[in-house]
Amino acid sequence: MIKVAKIKYLGGHRLRATFSDGMAGEYDFSGIVSEGGPTAEPLRDPAFFARVFLEDGAPTWPNGFDAAPGWLRSEIEAAGTLSREAAAWPRTLTSQGTTSV
């Protein structure tokens, strides 16, 4: 089962999700929060939206609103922004105290 392993707030109503299989992408929740509804309404405030956290692999907000990881992944894939997460370059410390790649 795919879960969200990392979530990053990008501003406005956009998030970058990295999934448990190493794939990642961005999603704009503007359409969802503009549709309304009692649980989506607080998310209209970008400061509240930025309080996103992961609970059991799902992006979740303090009011209980959450996004199913499978749904989020399919939305990101449909938007064409799903790609392999860039791995950090391996770095080693040299004897001179500088970093080499």
PDB file of N, CA and C in Angstrom:
ATOM      1  N   MET A   1       0.842  -1.179   0.000  1.00  0.00           N
ATOM      2  CA  MET A   1       0.000   0.000   0.000  1.00  0.00           C
ATOM      3  C   MET A   1       0.891   1.248   0.000  1.00  0.00           C
ATOM      4  N   ILE A   2       0.630   2.151  -0.921  1.00  0.00           N
ATOM      5  CA  ILE A   2       1.389   3.393  -1.031  1.00  0.00           C
ATOM      6  C   ILE A   2       0.959   4.351   0.076  1.00  0.00           C
ATOM      7  N   LYS A   3       1.951   4.956   0.706  1.00  0.00           N
ATOM      8  CA  LYS A   3       1.709   5.986   1.712  1.00  0.00           C
ATOM      9  C   LYS A   3       2.541   7.206   1.353  1.00  0.00           C
ATOM     10  N   VAL A   4       2.187   8.329   1.929  1.00  0.00           N
ATOM     11  CA  VAL A   4       3.005   9.525   1.782  1.00  0.00           C
ATOM     12  C   VAL A   4       4.070   9.461   2.869  1.00  0.00           C
ATOM     13  N   ALA A   5       5.329   9.510   2.450  1.00  0.00           N
ATOM     14  CA  ALA A   5       6.448   9.422   3.391  1.00  0.00           C
ATOM     15  C   ALA A   5       6.919  10.800   3.849  1.00  0.00           C
ATOM     16  N   LYS A   6       6.781  11.806   2.966  1.00  0.00           N
ATOM     17  CA  LYS A   6       7.176  13.179   3.291  1.00  0.00           C
ATOM     18  C   LYS A   6       6.171  14.122   2.655  1.00  0.00           C
ATOM     19  N   ILE A   7       5.918  15.215   3.340  1.00  0.00           N
ATOM     20  CA  ILE A   7       5.020  16.235   2.803  1.00  0.00           C
ATOM     21  C   ILE A   7       5.667  17.596   3.015  1.00  0.00           C
ATOM     22  N   LYS A   8       5.579  18.453   2.007  1.00  0.00           N
ATOM     23  CA  LYS A   8       6.183  19.781   2.105  1.00  0.00           C
ATOM     24  C   LYS A   8       5.178  20.815   1.622  1.00  0.00           C
ATOM     25  N   TYR A   9       4.965  21.820   2.436  1.00  0.00           N
ATOM     26  CA  TYR A   9       4.099  22.936   2.069  1.00  0.00           C
ATOM     27  C   TYR A   9       4.856  23.847   1.113  1.00  0.00           C
ATOM     28  N   LEU A  10       4.242  24.195  -0.015  1.00  0.00           N
ATOM     29  CA  LEU A  10       4.905  25.012  -1.034  1.00  0.00           C
ATOM     30  C   LEU A  10       4.358  26.428  -1.144  1.00  0.00           C
ATOM     31  N   GLY A  11       3.372  26.748  -0.328  1.00  0.00           N
ATOM     32  CA  GLY A  11       2.753  28.068  -0.409  1.00  0.00           C
ATOM     33  C   GLY A  11       1.360  27.958  -0.992  1.00  0.00           C
ATOM     34  N   GLY A  12       0.533  28.930  -0.665  1.00  0.00           N
ATOM     35  CA  GLY A  12      -0.848  28.903  -1.149  1.00  0.00           C
ATOM     36  C   GLY A  12      -1.550  27.640  -0.692  1.00  0.00           C
ATOM     37  N   HIS A  13      -2.008  26.844  -1.654  1.00  0.00           N
ATOM     38  CA  HIS A  13      -2.662  25.570  -1.366  1.00  0.00           C
ATOM     39  C   HIS A  13      -1.946  24.424  -2.068  1.00  0.00           C
ATOM     40  N   ARG A  14      -0.632  24.564  -2.216  1.00  0.00           N
ATOM     41  CA  ARG A  14       0.167  23.557  -2.915  1.00  0.00           C
ATOM     42  C   ARG A  14       1.036  22.772  -1.940  1.00  0.00           C
ATOM     43  N   LEU A  15       1.115  21.460  -2.214  1.00  0.00           N
ATOM     44  CA  LEU A  15       1.969  20.564  -1.437  1.00  0.00           C
ATOM     45  C   LEU A  15       2.832  19.739  -2.366  1.00  0.00           C
ATOM     46  N   ARG A  16       3.965  19.327  -1.871  1.00  0.00           N
ATOM     47  CA  ARG A  16       4.801  18.343  -2.563  1.00  0.00           C
ATOM     48  C   ARG A  16       4.795  17.097  -1.691  1.00  0.00           C
ATOM     49  N   ALA A  17       4.367  15.990  -2.282  1.00  0.00           N
ATOM     50  CA  ALA A  17       4.286  14.716  -1.572  1.00  0.00           C
ATOM     51  C   ALA A  17       5.333  13.765  -2.122  1.00  0.00           C
ATOM     52  N   THR A  18       6.061  13.110  -1.220  1.00  0.00           N
ATOM     53  CA  THR A  18       6.969  12.031  -1.595  1.00  0.00           C
ATOM     54  C   THR A  18       6.357  10.752  -1.050  1.00  0.00           C
ATOM     55  N   PHE A  19       6.170   9.788  -1.932  1.00  0.00           N
ATOM     56  CA  PHE A  19       5.505   8.544  -1.576  1.00  0.00           C
ATOM     57  C   PHE A  19       6.504   7.490  -1.117  1.00  0.00           C
ATOM     58  N   SER A  20       5.978   6.461  -0.479  1.00  0.00           N
ATOM     59  CA  SER A  20       6.811   5.420   0.117  1.00  0.00           C
ATOM     60  C   SER A  20       7.631   4.640  -0.915  1.00  0.00           C
ATOM     61  N   ASP A  21       7.300   4.738  -2.197  1.00  0.00           N
ATOM     62  CA  ASP A  21       8.071   4.057  -3.231  1.00  0.00           C
ATOM     63  C   ASP A  21       9.103   4.976  -3.892  1.00  0.00           C
ATOM     64  N   GLY A  22       9.278   6.189  -3.346  1.00  0.00           N
ATOM     65  CA  GLY A  22      10.276   7.117  -3.868  1.00  0.00           C
ATOM     66  C   GLY A  22       9.775   8.046  -4.958  1.00  0.00           C
ATOM     67  N   MET A  23       8.537   7.898  -5.382  1.00  0.00           N
ATOM     68  CA  MET A  23       7.974   8.797  -6.379  1.00  0.00           C
ATOM     69  C   MET A  23       7.454  10.043  -5.655  1.00  0.00           C
ATOM     70  N   ALA A  24       7.447  11.172  -6.366  1.00  0.00           N
ATOM     71  CA  ALA A  24       7.037  12.431  -5.745  1.00  0.00           C
ATOM     72  C   ALA A  24       6.391  13.339  -6.779  1.00  0.00           C
ATOM     73  N   GLY A  25       5.648  14.326  -6.279  1.00  0.00           N
ATOM     74  CA  GLY A  25       5.043  15.300  -7.164  1.00  0.00           C
ATOM     75  C   GLY A  25       4.294  16.348  -6.377  1.00  0.00           C
ATOM     76  N   GLU A  26       3.840  17.368  -7.089  1.00  0.00           N
ATOM     77  CA  GLU A  26       3.144  18.490  -6.477  1.00  0.00           C
ATOM     78  C   GLU A  26       1.662  18.429  -6.804  1.00  0.00           C
ATOM     79  N   TYR A  27       0.859  18.944  -5.862  1.00  0.00           N
ATOM     80  CA  TYR A  27      -0.578  19.012  -6.085  1.00  0.00           C
ATOM     81  C   TYR A  27      -1.105  20.323  -5.509  1.00  0.00           C
ATOM     82  N   ASP A  28      -1.987  20.959  -6.262  1.00  0.00           N
ATOM     83  CA  ASP A  28      -2.620  22.205  -5.838  1.00  0.00           C
ATOM     84  C   ASP A  28      -4.039  21.884  -5.369  1.00  0.00           C
ATOM     85  N   PHE A  29      -4.304  22.093  -4.091  1.00  0.00           N
ATOM     86  CA  PHE A  29      -5.594  21.800  -3.487  1.00  0.00           C
ATOM     87  C   PHE A  29      -6.593  22.950  -3.639  1.00  0.00           C
ATOM     88  N   SER A  30      -6.274  23.986  -4.411  1.00  0.00           N
ATOM     89  CA  SER A  30      -7.143  25.160  -4.541  1.00  0.00           C
ATOM     90  C   SER A  30      -8.565  24.795  -4.939  1.00  0.00           C
ATOM     91  N   GLY A  31      -8.714  23.885  -5.872  1.00  0.00           N
ATOM     92  CA  GLY A  31     -10.042  23.481  -6.319  1.00  0.00           C
ATOM     93  C   GLY A  31     -10.852  22.830  -5.221  1.00  0.00           C
ATOM     94  N   ILE A  32     -10.196  22.028  -4.416  1.00  0.00           N
ATOM     95  CA  ILE A  32     -10.890  21.324  -3.337  1.00  0.00           C
ATOM     96  C   ILE A  32     -11.320  22.288  -2.246  1.00  0.00           C
ATOM     97  N   VAL A  33     -10.416  23.175  -1.841  1.00  0.00           N
ATOM     98  CA  VAL A  33     -10.770  24.084  -0.750  1.00  0.00           C
ATOM     99  C   VAL A  33     -11.781  25.142  -1.191  1.00  0.00           C
ATOM    100  N   SER A  34     -11.837  25.464  -2.470  1.00  0.00           N
ATOM    101  CA  SER A  34     -12.800  26.452  -2.943  1.00  0.00           C
ATOM    102  C   SER A  34     -14.208  25.874  -3.057  1.00  0.00           C
ATOM    103  N   GLU A  35     -14.319  24.540  -3.160  1.00  0.00           N
ATOM    104  CA  GLU A  35     -15.631  23.904  -3.260  1.00  0.00           C
ATOM    105  C   GLU A  35     -16.419  24.022  -1.966  1.00  0.00           C
ATOM    106  N   GLY A  36     -15.727  24.246  -0.887  1.00  0.00           N
ATOM    107  CA  GLY A  36     -16.418  24.442   0.380  1.00  0.00           C
ATOM    108  C   GLY A  36     -16.664  23.157   1.144  1.00  0.00           C
ATOM    109  N   GLY A  37     -17.632  23.227   2.008  1.00  0.00           N
ATOM    110  CA  GLY A  37     -17.897  22.124   2.903  1.00  0.00           C
ATOM    111  C   GLY A  37     -17.300  22.447   4.257  1.00  0.00           C
ATOM    112  N   PRO A  38     -17.884  21.921   5.318  1.00  0.00           N
ATOM    113  CA  PRO A  38     -17.448  22.300   6.654  1.00  0.00           C
ATOM    114  C   PRO A  38     -16.002  21.927   6.984  1.00  0.00           C
ATOM    115  N   THR A  39     -15.506  20.808   6.482  1.00  0.00           N
ATOM    116  CA  THR A  39     -14.123  20.453   6.818  1.00  0.00           C
ATOM    117  C   THR A  39     -13.118  21.133   5.895  1.00  0.00           C
ATOM    118  N   ALA A  40     -13.516  21.492   4.698  1.00  0.00           N
ATOM    119  CA  ALA A  40     -12.594  22.150   3.772  1.00  0.00           C
ATOM    120  C   ALA A  40     -12.479  23.644   4.032  1.00  0.00           C
ATOM    121  N   GLU A  41     -13.492  24.239   4.630  1.00  0.00           N
ATOM    122  CA  GLU A  41     -13.503  25.691   4.832  1.00  0.00           C
ATOM    123  C   GLU A  41     -12.268  26.228   5.563  1.00  0.00           C
ATOM    124  N   PRO A  42     -11.834  25.642   6.682  1.00  0.00           N
ATOM    125  CA  PRO A  42     -10.649  26.173   7.362  1.00  0.00           C
ATOM    126  C   PRO A  42      -9.387  26.141   6.499  1.00  0.00           C
ATOM    127  N   LEU A  43      -9.335  25.228   5.538  1.00  0.00           N
ATOM    128  CA  LEU A  43      -8.163  25.104   4.678  1.00  0.00           C
ATOM    129  C   LEU A  43      -8.023  26.265   3.699  1.00  0.00           C
ATOM    130  N   ARG A  44      -9.039  27.072   3.556  1.00  0.00           N
ATOM    131  CA  ARG A  44      -8.954  28.249   2.681  1.00  0.00           C
ATOM    132  C   ARG A  44      -7.894  29.225   3.172  1.00  0.00           C
ATOM    133  N   ASP A  45      -7.693  29.259   4.461  1.00  0.00           N
ATOM    134  CA  ASP A  45      -6.663  30.119   5.052  1.00  0.00           C
ATOM    135  C   ASP A  45      -5.304  29.456   4.842  1.00  0.00           C
ATOM    136  N   PRO A  46      -4.413  30.067   4.041  1.00  0.00           N
ATOM    137  CA  PRO A  46      -3.121  29.448   3.788  1.00  0.00           C
ATOM    138  C   PRO A  46      -2.313  29.132   5.049  1.00  0.00           C
ATOM    139  N   ALA A  47      -2.475  29.942   6.090  1.00  0.00           N
ATOM    140  CA  ALA A  47      -1.757  29.666   7.343  1.00  0.00           C
ATOM    141  C   ALA A  47      -2.245  28.359   7.968  1.00  0.00           C
ATOM    142  N   PHE A  48      -3.538  28.115   7.898  1.00  0.00           N
ATOM    143  CA  PHE A  48      -4.082  26.858   8.418  1.00  0.00           C
ATOM    144  C   PHE A  48      -3.675  25.712   7.504  1.00  0.00           C
ATOM    145  N   PHE A  49      -3.766  25.927   6.199  1.00  0.00           N
ATOM    146  CA  PHE A  49      -3.386  24.887   5.229  1.00  0.00           C
ATOM    147  C   PHE A  49      -1.940  24.439   5.448  1.00  0.00           C
ATOM    148  N   ALA A  50      -1.081  25.391   5.798  1.00  0.00           N
ATOM    149  CA  ALA A  50       0.345  25.097   6.009  1.00  0.00           C
ATOM    150  C   ALA A  50       0.580  24.187   7.207  1.00  0.00           C
ATOM    151  N   ARG A  51      -0.408  23.986   8.046  1.00  0.00           N
ATOM    152  CA  ARG A  51      -0.258  23.146   9.235  1.00  0.00           C
ATOM    153  C   ARG A  51      -0.420  21.656   8.924  1.00  0.00           C
ATOM    154  N   VAL A  52      -0.357  21.285   7.662  1.00  0.00           N
ATOM    155  CA  VAL A  52      -0.482  19.893   7.241  1.00  0.00           C
ATOM    156  C   VAL A  52       0.572  19.026   7.926  1.00  0.00           C
ATOM    157  N   PHE A  53       0.197  17.804   8.253  1.00  0.00           N
ATOM    158  CA  PHE A  53       1.118  16.827   8.824  1.00  0.00           C
ATOM    159  C   PHE A  53       0.717  15.451   8.302  1.00  0.00           C
ATOM    160  N   LEU A  54       1.553  14.465   8.535  1.00  0.00           N
ATOM    161  CA  LEU A  54       1.246  13.103   8.105  1.00  0.00           C
ATOM    162  C   LEU A  54       0.708  12.287   9.265  1.00  0.00           C
ATOM    163  N   GLU A  55      -0.380  11.597   9.003  1.00  0.00           N
ATOM    164  CA  GLU A  55      -0.941  10.668   9.980  1.00  0.00           C
ATOM    165  C   GLU A  55      -1.232   9.354   9.245  1.00  0.00           C
ATOM    166  N   ASP A  56      -0.533   8.320   9.636  1.00  0.00           N
ATOM    167  CA  ASP A  56      -0.673   7.009   8.983  1.00  0.00           C
ATOM    168  C   ASP A  56      -0.464   7.109   7.472  1.00  0.00           C
ATOM    169  N   GLY A  57       0.478   7.938   7.046  1.00  0.00           N
ATOM    170  CA  GLY A  57       0.816   8.057   5.633  1.00  0.00           C
ATOM    171  C   GLY A  57      -0.132   8.899   4.807  1.00  0.00           C
ATOM    172  N   ALA A  58      -1.002   9.666   5.463  1.00  0.00           N
ATOM    173  CA  ALA A  58      -1.951  10.526   4.751  1.00  0.00           C
ATOM    174  C   ALA A  58      -1.764  11.974   5.173  1.00  0.00           C
ATOM    175  N   PRO A  59      -1.710  12.912   4.214  1.00  0.00           N
ATOM    176  CA  PRO A  59      -1.691  14.333   4.579  1.00  0.00           C
ATOM    177  C   PRO A  59      -2.969  14.654   5.359  1.00  0.00           C
ATOM    178  N   THR A  60      -2.800  15.281   6.518  1.00  0.00           N
ATOM    179  CA  THR A  60      -3.908  15.531   7.434  1.00  0.00           C
ATOM    180  C   THR A  60      -3.762  16.933   8.011  1.00  0.00           C
ATOM    181  N   TRP A  61      -4.897  17.554   8.321  1.00  0.00           N
ATOM    182  CA  TRP A  61      -4.894  18.878   8.927  1.00  0.00           C
ATOM    183  C   TRP A  61      -5.508  18.794  10.311  1.00  0.00           C
ATOM    184  N   PRO A  62      -5.237  19.798  11.156  1.00  0.00           N
ATOM    185  CA  PRO A  62      -5.712  19.762  12.544  1.00  0.00           C
ATOM    186  C   PRO A  62      -7.227  19.607  12.714  1.00  0.00           C
ATOM    187  N   ASN A  63      -8.025  19.971  11.722  1.00  0.00           N
ATOM    188  CA  ASN A  63      -9.480  19.841  11.839  1.00  0.00           C
ATOM    189  C   ASN A  63      -9.980  18.453  11.426  1.00  0.00           C
ATOM    190  N   GLY A  64      -9.068  17.537  11.080  1.00  0.00           N
ATOM    191  CA  GLY A  64      -9.451  16.180  10.710  1.00  0.00           C
ATOM    192  C   GLY A  64      -9.559  15.940   9.213  1.00  0.00           C
ATOM    193  N   PHE A  65      -9.482  16.982   8.395  1.00  0.00           N
ATOM    194  CA  PHE A  65      -9.508  16.806   6.942  1.00  0.00           C
ATOM    195  C   PHE A  65      -8.253  16.055   6.538  1.00  0.00           C
ATOM    196  N   ASP A  66      -8.395  15.056   5.660  1.00  0.00           N
ATOM    197  CA  ASP A  66      -7.214  14.348   5.170  1.00  0.00           C
ATOM    198  C   ASP A  66      -7.389  13.996   3.700  1.00  0.00           C
ATOM    199  N   ALA A  67      -6.278  13.613   3.089  1.00  0.00           N
ATOM    200  CA  ALA A  67      -6.275  13.214   1.684  1.00  0.00           C
ATOM    201  C   ALA A  67      -5.746  11.788   1.601  1.00  0.00           C
ATOM    202  N   ALA A  68      -6.509  10.904   0.992  1.00  0.00           N
ATOM    203  CA  ALA A  68      -6.087   9.518   0.839  1.00  0.00           C
ATOM    204  C   ALA A  68      -4.836   9.460  -0.034  1.00  0.00           C
ATOM    205  N   PRO A  69      -3.795   8.754   0.400  1.00  0.00           N
ATOM    206  CA  PRO A  69      -2.553   8.697  -0.374  1.00  0.00           C
ATOM    207  C   PRO A  69      -2.739   8.187  -1.805  1.00  0.00           C
ATOM    208  N   GLY A  70      -3.563   7.162  -2.001  1.00  0.00           N
ATOM    209  CA  GLY A  70      -3.798   6.628  -3.349  1.00  0.00           C
ATOM    210  C   GLY A  70      -4.464   7.639  -4.252  1.00  0.00           C
ATOM    211  N   TRP A  71      -5.436   8.363  -3.706  1.00  0.00           N
ATOM    212  CA  TRP A  71      -6.109   9.405  -4.477  1.00  0.00           C
ATOM    213  C   TRP A  71      -5.122  10.505  -4.852  1.00  0.00           C
ATOM    214  N   LEU A  72      -4.319  10.953  -3.870  1.00  0.00           N
ATOM    215  CA  LEU A  72      -3.362  12.029  -4.115  1.00  0.00           C
ATOM    216  C   LEU A  72      -2.366  11.627  -5.184  1.00  0.00           C
ATOM    217  N   ARG A  73      -1.869  10.401  -5.097  1.00  0.00           N
ATOM    218  CA  ARG A  73      -0.907   9.928  -6.096  1.00  0.00           C
ATOM    219  C   ARG A  73      -1.536   9.911  -7.495  1.00  0.00           C
ATOM    220  N   SER A  74      -2.768   9.436  -7.605  1.00  0.00           N
ATOM    221  CA  SER A  74      -3.398   9.392  -8.931  1.00  0.00           C
ATOM    222  C   SER A  74      -3.647  10.790  -9.479  1.00  0.00           C
ATOM    223  N   GLU A  75      -3.974  11.740  -8.611  1.00  0.00           N
ATOM    224  CA  GLU A  75      -4.160  13.127  -9.049  1.00  0.00           C
ATOM    225  C   GLU A  75      -2.845  13.729  -9.542  1.00  0.00           C
ATOM    226  N   ILE A  76      -1.771  13.478  -8.825  1.00  0.00           N
ATOM    227  CA  ILE A  76      -0.450  13.982  -9.220  1.00  0.00           C
ATOM    228  C   ILE A  76      -0.027  13.340 -10.538  1.00  0.00           C
ATOM    229  N   GLU A  77      -0.266  12.051 -10.659  1.00  0.00           N
ATOM    230  CA  GLU A  77       0.084  11.342 -11.894  1.00  0.00           C
ATOM    231  C   GLU A  77      -0.724  11.876 -13.073  1.00  0.00           C
ATOM    232  N   ALA A  78      -2.026  12.103 -12.871  1.00  0.00           N
ATOM    233  CA  ALA A  78      -2.885  12.634 -13.933  1.00  0.00           C
ATOM    234  C   ALA A  78      -2.438  14.027 -14.374  1.00  0.00           C
ATOM    235  N   ALA A  79      -1.897  14.802 -13.422  1.00  0.00           N
ATOM    236  CA  ALA A  79      -1.414  16.149 -13.747  1.00  0.00           C
ATOM    237  C   ALA A  79      -0.065  16.116 -14.465  1.00  0.00           C
ATOM    238  N   GLY A  80       0.563  14.948 -14.490  1.00  0.00           N
ATOM    239  CA  GLY A  80       1.842  14.808 -15.189  1.00  0.00           C
ATOM    240  C   GLY A  80       3.040  15.264 -14.395  1.00  0.00           C
ATOM    241  N   THR A  81       2.902  15.393 -13.079  1.00  0.00           N
ATOM    242  CA  THR A  81       4.036  15.869 -12.280  1.00  0.00           C
ATOM    243  C   THR A  81       4.655  14.786 -11.404  1.00  0.00           C
ATOM    244  N   LEU A  82       4.229  13.532 -11.551  1.00  0.00           N
ATOM    245  CA  LEU A  82       4.795  12.452 -10.747  1.00  0.00           C
ATOM    246  C   LEU A  82       6.134  12.031 -11.326  1.00  0.00           C
ATOM    247  N   SER A  83       7.167  12.008 -10.495  1.00  0.00           N
ATOM    248  CA  SER A  83       8.496  11.596 -10.953  1.00  0.00           C
ATOM    249  C   SER A  83       9.277  11.003  -9.783  1.00  0.00           C
ATOM    250  N   ARG A  84      10.382  10.377 -10.107  1.00  0.00           N
ATOM    251  CA  ARG A  84      11.234   9.797  -9.069  1.00  0.00           C
ATOM    252  C   ARG A  84      11.848  10.929  -8.266  1.00  0.00           C
ATOM    253  N   GLU A  85      11.803  10.809  -6.930  1.00  0.00           N
ATOM    254  CA  GLU A  85      12.396  11.815  -6.044  1.00  0.00           C
ATOM    255  C   GLU A  85      13.905  11.839  -6.285  1.00  0.00           C
ATOM    256  N   ALA A  86      14.453  13.023  -6.446  1.00  0.00           N
ATOM    257  CA  ALA A  86      15.896  13.149  -6.648  1.00  0.00           C
ATOM    258  C   ALA A  86      16.619  12.734  -5.378  1.00  0.00           C
ATOM    259  N   ALA A  87      17.538  11.806  -5.515  1.00  0.00           N
ATOM    260  CA  ALA A  87      18.326  11.357  -4.364  1.00  0.00           C
ATOM    261  C   ALA A  87      19.378  12.404  -4.034  1.00  0.00           C
ATOM    262  N   ALA A  88      19.663  12.526  -2.773  1.00  0.00           N
ATOM    263  CA  ALA A  88      20.718  13.455  -2.354  1.00  0.00           C
ATOM    264  C   ALA A  88      22.062  12.924  -2.837  1.00  0.00           C
ATOM    265  N   TRP A  89      22.896  13.817  -3.298  1.00  0.00           N
ATOM    266  CA  TRP A  89      24.222  13.408  -3.742  1.00  0.00           C
ATOM    267  C   TRP A  89      25.007  12.863  -2.553  1.00  0.00           C
ATOM    268  N   PRO A  90      25.707  11.759  -2.739  1.00  0.00           N
ATOM    269  CA  PRO A  90      26.538  11.272  -1.636  1.00  0.00           C
ATOM    270  C   PRO A  90      27.703  12.232  -1.419  1.00  0.00           C
ATOM    271  N   ARG A  91      27.926  12.590  -0.199  1.00  0.00           N
ATOM    272  CA  ARG A  91      28.997  13.531   0.126  1.00  0.00           C
ATOM    273  C   ARG A  91      29.935  12.885   1.132  1.00  0.00           C
ATOM    274  N   THR A  92      31.202  13.155   0.962  1.00  0.00           N
ATOM    275  CA  THR A  92      32.191  12.659   1.909  1.00  0.00           C
ATOM    276  C   THR A  92      33.069  13.820   2.331  1.00  0.00           C
ATOM    277  N   LEU A  93      33.520  13.785   3.545  1.00  0.00           N
ATOM    278  CA  LEU A  93      34.386  14.824   4.070  1.00  0.00           C
ATOM    279  C   LEU A  93      35.826  14.432   3.765  1.00  0.00           C
ATOM    280  N   THR A  94      36.552  15.330   3.129  1.00  0.00           N
ATOM    281  CA  THR A  94      37.951  15.053   2.795  1.00  0.00           C
ATOM    282  C   THR A  94      38.839  15.372   3.982  1.00  0.00           C
ATOM    283  N   SER A  95      40.081  14.966   3.905  1.00  0.00           N
ATOM    284  CA  SER A  95      41.010  15.214   4.999  1.00  0.00           C
ATOM    285  C   SER A  95      41.296  16.702   5.198  1.00  0.00           C
ATOM    286  N   GLN A  96      41.022  17.532   4.168  1.00  0.00           N
ATOM    287  CA  GLN A  96      41.218  18.978   4.289  1.00  0.00           C
ATOM    288  C   GLN A  96      39.984  19.658   4.885  1.00  0.00           C
ATOM    289  N   GLY A  97      38.939  18.888   5.221  1.00  0.00           N
ATOM    290  CA  GLY A  97      37.746  19.461   5.818  1.00  0.00           C
ATOM    291  C   GLY A  97      36.757  20.018   4.815  1.00  0.00           C
ATOM    292  N   THR A  98      37.000  19.780   3.520  1.00  0.00           N
ATOM    293  CA  THR A  98      36.060  20.229   2.510  1.00  0.00           C
ATOM    294  C   THR A  98      35.175  19.059   2.102  1.00  0.00           C
ATOM    295  N   THR A  99      34.083  19.385   1.454  1.00  0.00           N
ATOM    296  CA  THR A  99      33.141  18.360   1.033  1.00  0.00           C
ATOM    297  C   THR A  99      33.366  18.037  -0.420  1.00  0.00           C
ATOM    298  N   SER A 100      33.387  16.752  -0.737  1.00  0.00           N
ATOM    299  CA  SER A 100      33.496  16.354  -2.145  1.00  0.00           C
ATOM    300  C   SER A 100      32.260  15.538  -2.514  1.00  0.00           C
ATOM    301  N   VAL A 101      31.992  15.534  -3.807  1.00  0.00           N
ATOM    302  CA  VAL A 101      30.819  14.804  -4.302  1.00  0.00           C
ATOM    303  C   VAL A 101      31.283  13.625  -5.106  1.00  0.00           C
TER     304      VAL A 101
END
